[in-house]
C-alpha atoms as a PDB file:
ATOM      1  CA  MET A   1     147.952 106.075  87.958  1.00  0.00           C
ATOM      2  CA  THR A   2     145.981 109.034  87.432  1.00  0.00           C
ATOM      3  CA  ALA A   3     144.941 111.386  90.508  1.00  0.00           C
ATOM      4  CA  VAL A   4     141.292 110.321  89.965  1.00  0.00           C
ATOM      5  CA  ALA A   5     142.472 106.685  90.149  1.00  0.00           C
ATOM      6  CA  GLU A   6     144.487 107.210  93.074  1.00  0.00           C
ATOM      7  CA  ARG A   7     141.599 108.826  94.978  1.00  0.00           C
ATOM      8  CA  ILE A   8     139.296 105.862  94.000  1.00  0.00           C
ATOM      9  CA  LEU A   9     141.837 103.479  95.226  1.00  0.00           C
ATOM     10  CA  ASN A  10     142.372 105.201  98.506  1.00  0.00           C
ATOM     11  CA  ASP A  11     138.727 105.298  98.936  1.00  0.00           C
ATOM     12  CA  ALA A  12     138.170 101.617  98.227  1.00  0.00           C
ATOM     13  CA  LEU A  13     140.920 100.607 100.638  1.00  0.00           C
ATOM     14  CA  GLY A  14     138.809 102.164 103.274  1.00  0.00           C
ATOM     15  CA  LEU A  15     135.863  99.689 102.551  1.00  0.00           C
ATOM     16  CA  LEU A  16     135.222  96.706 104.574  1.00  0.00           C
ATOM     17  CA  PRO A  17     136.547  93.610 103.033  1.00  0.00           C
ATOM     18  CA  VAL A  18     133.467  92.113 101.779  1.00  0.00           C
ATOM     19  CA  GLU A  19     132.717  95.551 100.041  1.00  0.00           C
ATOM     20  CA  ARG A  20     136.373  95.633  98.485  1.00  0.00           C
ATOM     21  CA  ALA A  21     135.572  91.971  97.445  1.00  0.00           C
ATOM     22  CA  GLU A  22     132.279  93.050  95.709  1.00  0.00           C
ATOM     23  CA  LEU A  23     133.959  96.066  94.019  1.00  0.00           C
ATOM     24  CA  ILE A  24     137.063  93.805  92.602  1.00  0.00           C
ATOM     25  CA  GLU A  25     134.200  91.518  91.231  1.00  0.00           C
ATOM     26  CA  LYS A  26     132.478  94.257  89.402  1.00  0.00           C
ATOM     27  CA  LEU A  27     135.607  95.637  88.140  1.00  0.00           C
ATOM     28  CA  PHE A  28     136.725  92.069  86.936  1.00  0.00           C
ATOM     29  CA  GLN A  29     133.388  91.693  85.242  1.00  0.00           C
ATOM     30  CA  SER A  30     133.603  95.041  83.301  1.00  0.00           C
ATOM     31  CA  PHE A  31     136.650  93.376  81.377  1.00  0.00           C
ATOM     32  CA  ASP A  32     135.853  91.959  77.680  1.00  0.00           C
ATOM     33  CA  ARG A  33     135.378  88.416  78.699  1.00  0.00           C
ATOM     34  CA  SER A  34     135.304  87.204  75.061  1.00  0.00           C
ATOM     35  CA  VAL A  35     138.702  85.610  75.177  1.00  0.00           C
ATOM     36  CA  SER A  36     137.768  83.974  78.487  1.00  0.00           C
ATOM     37  CA  ARG A  37     134.610  82.667  76.882  1.00  0.00           C
ATOM     38  CA  LYS A  38     136.461  80.997  74.092  1.00  0.00           C
ATOM     39  CA  ILE A  39     138.960  79.469  76.584  1.00  0.00           C
ATOM     40  CA  ASP A  40     135.934  78.187  78.676  1.00  0.00           C
ATOM     41  CA  ALA A  41     134.388  76.773  75.653  1.00  0.00           C
ATOM     42  CA  ALA A  42     137.599  75.019  74.469  1.00  0.00           C
ATOM     43  CA  TRP A  43     138.079  73.431  78.235  1.00  0.00           C
ATOM     44  CA  ALA A  44     134.201  72.255  77.933  1.00  0.00           C
ATOM     45  CA  GLU A  45     134.963  70.557  74.733  1.00  0.00           C
ATOM     46  CA  GLU A  46     138.064  68.913  75.952  1.00  0.00           C
ATOM     47  CA  VAL A  47     136.185  67.908  79.172  1.00  0.00           C
ATOM     48  CA  GLU A  48     133.456  66.267  77.111  1.00  0.00           C
ATOM     49  CA  SER A  49     136.007  64.667  74.916  1.00  0.00           C
ATOM     50  CA  ARG A  50     137.849  62.964  77.740  1.00  0.00           C
ATOM     51  CA  ILE A  51     134.559  61.999  79.216  1.00  0.00           C
ATOM     52  CA  ASP A  52     133.669  60.124  76.058  1.00  0.00           C
ATOM     53  CA  ALA A  53     136.863  58.442  75.787  1.00  0.00           C
ATOM     54  CA  TYR A  54     136.378  57.177  79.219  1.00  0.00           C
ATOM     55  CA  ARG A  55     133.131  55.984  78.410  1.00  0.00           C
ATOM     56  CA  ARG A  56     134.497  54.212  75.264  1.00  0.00           C
ATOM     57  CA  GLY A  57     136.987  52.281  77.306  1.00  0.00           C
ATOM     58  CA  GLU A  58     139.989  54.270  75.687  1.00  0.00           C
ATOM     59  CA  VAL A  59     141.316  55.819  79.110  1.00  0.00           C
ATOM     60  CA  LYS A  60     141.062  54.387  82.641  1.00  0.00           C
ATOM     61  CA  ALA A  61     140.401  56.568  85.610  1.00  0.00           C
ATOM     62  CA  SER A  62     142.339  56.109  88.839  1.00  0.00           C
ATOM     63  CA  SER A  63     141.776  57.984  92.241  1.00  0.00           C
ATOM     64  CA  LEU A  64     144.709  60.174  93.498  1.00  0.00           C
ATOM     65  CA  TYR A  65     143.268  60.186  96.881  1.00  0.00           C
ATOM     66  CA  ILE A  66     143.398  56.361  96.985  1.00  0.00           C
ATOM     67  CA  LYS A  67     146.953  56.317  95.508  1.00  0.00           C
ATOM     68  CA  SER A  68     148.220  58.837  98.229  1.00  0.00           C
ATOM     69  CA  LEU A  69     147.038  56.946 100.848  1.00  0.00           C
ATOM     70  CA  LYS A  70     149.079  53.740  99.902  1.00  0.00           C
END
């Protein structure tokens, strides 16, 4: 870690927890999210496919909550 990054880290550690969380969120958002968007799109497509299969009667749903109570 460079001296500048080390100084920034030390300054950040002195912030209130909510301020550190906001900083983390902003840093995270600064990364290239194109790969994440592709993954999100693939999951959205999969979810829609599963819902369609359920509506067509190809798969059945069961409640894990109810099963865990038995």
